[in-house]
Amino acid sequence: MQPEDKFIRANGLSLHYLDWGQPDAVPMVLLHGLCGNAHYWDFFTLKTRQDYYGLALDQRGHGDSSWAESYGPKDYVLDLEAFTAKLGLSNMVLIGHSMGGINAIIYTARHPDQVGRLVIVDIGPEIASTGIERMERERASEPVTFESEEEAVEYLRKIQPRHSDAFIQHEVRYAFKRDEAGRLMFKYDKALRKTELRSPEWLWEYLGQVICPTLVLRGSESDILLADVAQRVSSTLPLSSLVEIAGAGHSIPGDNPQAFEAAVSRFLSAGSDSSRA
């Protein structure tokens, strides 16, 4: 089964999302990270589509959604509010990776009646300096265009060495478009490269307002979310589980998809388990 490409108008933008069917099931809304896209979740959603109504959103400036004049948590959350309102979603499972995790936390704090369960993937109010430095190096050295798919594959393999060949090939298929000369370039708005990379320490306040059961996932080799910060994030939440995923860095769903799926499945089937894993 392949998802259906759909679009809505929100805040003057065209927002693209993937609809995996099963509209009578519990909705599961998935938010990618900075410079990612909705197809980041395809391998995971293939496994969950029988039990949940999967909806993966291309956030503004990403994937096949419109580019915008401003990009920030407020903008992304306003888009998410419009998206969930137009689709009439409630009691949803909300999963966010990195930037998407920040947006998911804010949305959940603002709409406690609409989110039944929250999954935060490798992000918190404090980002390790080593991770910020790595991202800045990658941003500075990222090619503007690629002459071939093979060249794009090699680049992604270099910056995501834990990803399988199948996952990388999938990324190349959906993360790139061709310019007028036929060269490959990333789909996302290049203005996103100017996003300031620093710790969103104001996020602690929002975390304190989250009341639903929450799963905090950290990659055991993450240079973004350190172990002590992950523990504090989990301790701040009243109903939380903290799981560290072995063999994964920041990009847990790509680095160790089997363990990611297993951890999320256990959380969703466990009921209101507030124990620490």
Protein backbone atom coordinates (compact mmCIF):
# COMPACT_ATOMS: atom_id res chain seq x y z
CA MET A 1 0.00 0.00 0.00
CA GLN A 2 1.21 3.47 -0.89
CA PRO A 3 0.06 6.65 0.87
CA GLU A 4 -2.13 9.16 -0.91
CA ASP A 5 -0.66 12.61 -1.56
CA LYS A 6 -3.00 15.30 -0.25
CA PHE A 7 -2.90 19.05 0.26
CA ILE A 8 -4.67 21.60 2.45
CA ARG A 9 -4.57 25.40 2.50
CA ALA A 10 -3.42 26.84 5.81
CA ASN A 11 -2.12 30.28 6.76
CA GLY A 12 -1.79 31.23 3.11
CA LEU A 13 0.25 28.12 2.27
CA SER A 14 -0.30 24.84 0.50
CA LEU A 15 0.67 22.08 2.94
CA HIS A 16 1.33 18.60 1.60
CA TYR A 17 0.77 15.48 3.65
CA LEU A 18 0.71 11.72 3.23
CA ASP A 19 -2.55 9.96 4.04
CA TRP A 20 -2.08 6.26 4.83
CA GLY A 21 -5.77 5.42 5.03
CA GLN A 22 -7.73 3.86 7.91
CA PRO A 23 -9.58 7.10 8.79
CA ASP A 24 -11.69 5.26 11.35
CA ALA A 25 -8.59 4.32 13.34
CA VAL A 26 -6.78 6.41 15.94
CA PRO A 27 -4.95 9.19 14.07
CA MET A 28 -1.16 9.20 14.20
CA VAL A 29 0.40 12.50 13.11
CA LEU A 30 4.12 12.45 12.28
CA LEU A 31 6.41 15.50 12.15
CA HIS A 32 9.86 15.32 10.53
CA GLY A 33 12.96 17.27 11.54
CA LEU A 34 14.64 20.34 10.05
CA CYS A 35 15.26 19.94 6.30
CA GLY A 36 13.43 16.59 6.30
CA ASN A 37 10.13 15.59 4.73
CA ALA A 38 7.03 13.47 5.30
CA HIS A 39 8.50 10.41 3.56
CA TYR A 40 11.03 10.11 6.39
CA TRP A 41 8.34 8.12 8.20
CA ASP A 42 7.37 5.73 5.36
CA PHE A 43 9.15 2.63 6.67
CA PHE A 44 7.65 3.11 10.11
CA THR A 45 4.14 3.92 8.87
CA LEU A 46 4.13 0.81 6.68
CA LYS A 47 4.27 -1.18 9.93
CA THR A 48 1.62 0.81 11.81
CA ARG A 49 -0.96 1.52 9.07
CA GLN A 50 -3.17 -1.42 10.06
CA ASP A 51 -3.77 -0.04 13.55
CA TYR A 52 -3.48 3.73 13.11
CA TYR A 53 -4.56 6.43 10.69
CA GLY A 54 -1.12 7.61 9.59
CA LEU A 55 -0.76 11.27 8.59
CA ALA A 56 2.73 12.55 7.82
CA LEU A 57 2.96 16.30 7.26
CA ASP A 58 5.47 18.21 5.14
CA GLN A 59 5.96 21.22 7.38
CA ARG A 60 6.22 24.62 5.70
CA GLY A 61 9.32 25.01 3.53
CA HIS A 62 9.87 21.25 3.41
CA GLY A 63 9.05 18.50 0.93
CA ASP A 64 6.14 19.42 -1.32
CA SER A 65 4.69 22.11 0.95
CA SER A 66 4.90 25.82 0.13
CA TRP A 67 7.90 27.90 1.04
CA ALA A 68 7.20 30.79 3.42
CA GLU A 69 8.57 34.11 4.60
CA SER A 70 9.15 32.92 8.15
CA TYR A 71 10.13 29.66 9.81
CA GLY A 72 9.90 29.22 13.53
CA PRO A 73 8.11 27.16 16.17
CA LYS A 74 5.18 29.58 16.23
CA ASP A 75 4.72 29.27 12.46
CA TYR A 76 4.97 25.49 12.45
CA VAL A 77 2.53 25.11 15.33
CA LEU A 78 -0.01 27.45 13.73
CA ASP A 79 0.18 25.27 10.62
CA LEU A 80 -0.27 22.13 12.70
CA GLU A 81 -3.28 23.66 14.45
CA ALA A 82 -4.86 24.44 11.08
CA PHE A 83 -4.02 20.96 9.79
CA THR A 84 -5.59 19.10 12.72
CA ALA A 85 -8.63 21.39 12.73
CA LYS A 86 -9.33 20.92 9.01
CA LEU A 87 -9.03 17.15 9.33
CA GLY A 88 -11.05 17.12 12.55
CA LEU A 89 -8.41 15.16 14.48
CA SER A 90 -8.65 14.36 18.19
CA ASN A 91 -7.21 11.88 20.68
CA MET A 92 -4.25 11.54 18.31
CA VAL A 93 -0.84 9.99 18.68
CA LEU A 94 1.64 12.78 17.93
CA ILE A 95 5.22 11.83 17.00
CA GLY A 96 7.92 14.40 16.34
CA HIS A 97 11.61 14.06 15.51
CA SER A 98 14.07 16.85 16.31
CA MET A 99 12.48 20.12 15.11
CA GLY A 100 9.23 18.21 14.70
CA GLY A 101 9.56 17.10 18.32
CA ILE A 102 9.79 20.70 19.47
CA ASN A 103 6.65 21.55 17.52
CA ALA A 104 4.88 18.48 18.87
CA ILE A 105 5.67 19.43 22.48
CA ILE A 106 4.32 22.96 22.01
CA TYR A 107 1.17 21.72 20.29
CA THR A 108 0.53 19.13 23.01
CA ALA A 109 0.96 21.71 25.76
CA ARG A 110 -1.48 24.04 24.00
CA HIS A 111 -4.03 21.35 23.16
CA PRO A 112 -4.03 18.77 25.97
CA ASP A 113 -7.52 17.60 24.98
CA GLN A 114 -6.44 16.62 21.46
CA VAL A 115 -3.29 14.55 22.04
CA GLY A 116 -3.74 11.14 23.61
CA ARG A 117 -0.08 10.13 23.43
CA LEU A 118 3.12 11.95 22.56
CA VAL A 119 6.42 10.55 21.27
CA ILE A 120 9.47 12.87 21.44
CA VAL A 121 12.34 11.63 19.26
CA ASP A 122 15.83 12.77 20.29
CA ILE A 123 15.25 16.39 21.19
CA GLY A 124 14.95 18.48 24.32
CA PRO A 125 15.33 22.02 25.62
CA GLU A 126 19.11 21.68 25.73
CA ILE A 127 21.09 20.66 22.64
CA ALA A 128 24.68 19.48 23.03
CA SER A 129 27.30 21.83 21.60
CA THR A 130 28.95 18.94 19.75
CA GLY A 131 25.73 18.32 17.85
CA ILE A 132 25.30 21.98 16.97
CA GLU A 133 28.89 22.13 15.71
CA ARG A 134 28.36 19.03 13.58
CA MET A 135 25.18 20.41 12.03
CA GLU A 136 26.92 23.70 11.28
CA ARG A 137 29.76 21.86 9.54
CA GLU A 138 27.30 19.82 7.49
CA ARG A 139 25.33 22.93 6.60
CA ALA A 140 28.47 24.74 5.45
CA SER A 141 29.71 21.82 3.33
CA GLU A 142 26.40 20.74 1.78
CA PRO A 143 26.59 20.83 -2.04
CA VAL A 144 24.04 23.03 -3.79
CA THR A 145 23.44 20.44 -6.51
CA PHE A 146 24.35 16.85 -7.32
CA GLU A 147 25.14 15.60 -10.82
CA SER A 148 23.58 12.18 -10.31
CA GLU A 149 21.56 10.04 -7.93
CA GLU A 150 24.74 8.10 -7.16
CA GLU A 151 26.42 11.30 -6.02
CA ALA A 152 23.45 12.15 -3.80
CA VAL A 153 23.49 8.64 -2.33
CA GLU A 154 27.17 8.92 -1.50
CA TYR A 155 26.63 12.27 0.20
CA LEU A 156 23.77 10.96 2.36
CA ARG A 157 25.75 7.84 3.18
CA LYS A 158 28.57 10.06 4.45
CA ILE A 159 26.40 12.15 6.78
CA GLN A 160 24.09 9.27 7.82
CA PRO A 161 26.44 6.25 8.03
CA ARG A 162 24.02 4.17 10.12
CA HIS A 163 21.20 4.34 7.55
CA SER A 164 20.62 1.26 5.41
CA ASP A 165 21.07 1.48 1.65
CA ALA A 166 17.31 1.03 1.28
CA PHE A 167 16.60 3.98 3.58
CA ILE A 168 19.11 6.20 1.76
CA GLN A 169 17.73 5.28 -1.65
CA HIS A 170 14.28 6.15 -0.33
CA GLU A 171 15.54 9.53 0.90
CA VAL A 172 17.05 10.31 -2.48
CA ARG A 173 13.76 9.49 -4.19
CA TYR A 174 11.75 11.95 -2.12
CA ALA A 175 14.13 14.57 -0.72
CA PHE A 176 15.40 15.86 -4.07
CA LYS A 177 14.08 17.58 -7.18
CA ARG A 178 15.77 18.46 -10.47
CA ASP A 179 16.76 21.97 -11.46
CA GLU A 180 16.52 23.39 -14.99
CA ALA A 181 19.85 21.78 -15.89
CA GLY A 182 18.68 18.36 -14.70
CA ARG A 183 20.85 18.33 -11.59
CA LEU A 184 19.50 17.13 -8.26
CA MET A 185 18.92 19.60 -5.43
CA PHE A 186 17.21 19.30 -2.07
CA LYS A 187 13.52 20.23 -2.11
CA TYR A 188 13.56 22.25 1.09
CA ASP A 189 13.73 26.04 1.07
CA LYS A 190 17.38 27.09 1.31
CA ALA A 191 16.32 29.83 3.73
CA LEU A 192 16.00 27.04 6.30
CA ARG A 193 19.79 26.88 6.37
CA LYS A 194 19.70 30.22 8.19
CA THR A 195 17.75 28.69 11.08
CA GLU A 196 19.65 29.55 14.23
CA LEU A 197 21.01 26.42 15.86
CA ARG A 198 20.85 26.81 19.61
CA SER A 199 19.18 25.28 22.63
CA PRO A 200 15.44 26.07 22.94
CA GLU A 201 15.62 26.36 26.73
CA TRP A 202 12.18 28.00 26.77
CA LEU A 203 10.85 24.51 25.91
CA TRP A 204 11.11 23.49 29.58
CA GLU A 205 8.01 25.58 30.28
CA TYR A 206 6.00 23.76 27.62
CA LEU A 207 7.18 20.36 28.82
CA GLY A 208 5.79 21.19 32.24
CA GLN A 209 2.36 21.63 30.67
CA VAL A 210 2.26 18.26 28.89
CA ILE A 211 -0.10 15.93 30.76
CA CYS A 212 -0.58 12.98 28.38
CA PRO A 213 1.49 9.76 28.44
CA THR A 214 4.76 10.52 26.67
CA LEU A 215 7.60 8.43 25.30
CA VAL A 216 11.03 10.06 25.18
CA LEU A 217 13.44 8.36 22.78
CA ARG A 218 17.18 8.99 22.76
CA GLY A 219 19.74 7.51 20.41
CA SER A 220 22.51 5.93 22.48
CA GLU A 221 25.08 7.68 20.26
CA SER A 222 23.19 10.96 19.90
CA ASP A 223 25.24 14.15 19.89
CA ILE A 224 22.06 16.25 20.15
CA LEU A 225 20.22 14.93 23.21
CA LEU A 226 22.60 13.98 26.01
CA ALA A 227 21.62 11.25 28.46
CA ASP A 228 21.27 13.54 31.48
CA VAL A 229 19.07 15.98 29.55
CA ALA A 230 16.87 13.12 28.32
CA GLN A 231 16.46 11.96 31.91
CA ARG A 232 15.47 15.47 33.03
CA VAL A 233 12.99 15.73 30.16
CA SER A 234 11.40 12.46 31.21
CA SER A 235 11.36 13.46 34.87
CA THR A 236 9.61 16.73 34.02
CA LEU A 237 6.72 14.85 32.42
CA PRO A 238 4.11 13.34 34.76
CA LEU A 239 3.46 10.21 32.64
CA SER A 240 6.62 9.31 30.80
CA SER A 241 8.83 6.49 29.62
CA LEU A 242 12.44 7.06 28.59
CA VAL A 243 13.99 4.57 26.17
CA GLU A 244 17.51 4.68 24.80
CA ILE A 245 17.86 3.12 21.36
CA ALA A 246 21.11 1.21 20.86
CA GLY A 247 23.08 1.70 17.65
CA ALA A 248 21.38 5.00 16.87
CA GLY A 249 22.45 8.61 16.74
CA HIS A 250 20.11 11.56 16.33
CA SER A 251 18.16 10.05 13.42
CA ILE A 252 16.70 7.11 15.31
CA PRO A 253 14.00 6.03 12.77
CA GLY A 254 16.69 5.76 10.07
CA ASP A 255 19.54 4.49 12.22
CA ASN A 256 17.69 1.65 13.94
CA PRO A 257 14.16 1.41 12.51
CA GLN A 258 13.40 -1.97 14.07
CA ALA A 259 14.20 -0.79 17.60
CA PHE A 260 12.33 2.48 16.98
CA GLU A 261 9.21 0.63 15.87
CA ALA A 262 9.43 -1.80 18.78
CA ALA A 263 9.79 0.98 21.37
CA VAL A 264 6.87 2.97 19.98
CA SER A 265 4.69 -0.14 19.67
CA ARG A 266 5.38 -1.12 23.30
CA PHE A 267 4.53 2.38 24.45
CA LEU A 268 1.29 2.55 22.53
CA SER A 269 0.13 -0.85 23.71
CA ALA A 270 1.25 -0.53 27.33
CA GLY A 271 -1.43 1.83 28.60
CA SER A 272 -0.56 4.68 30.93
CA ASP A 273 2.79 3.34 31.99
CA SER A 274 4.78 5.99 33.82
CA SER A 275 7.77 3.77 34.56
CA ARG A 276 11.23 4.59 33.29
CA ALA A 277 12.70 2.10 30.79
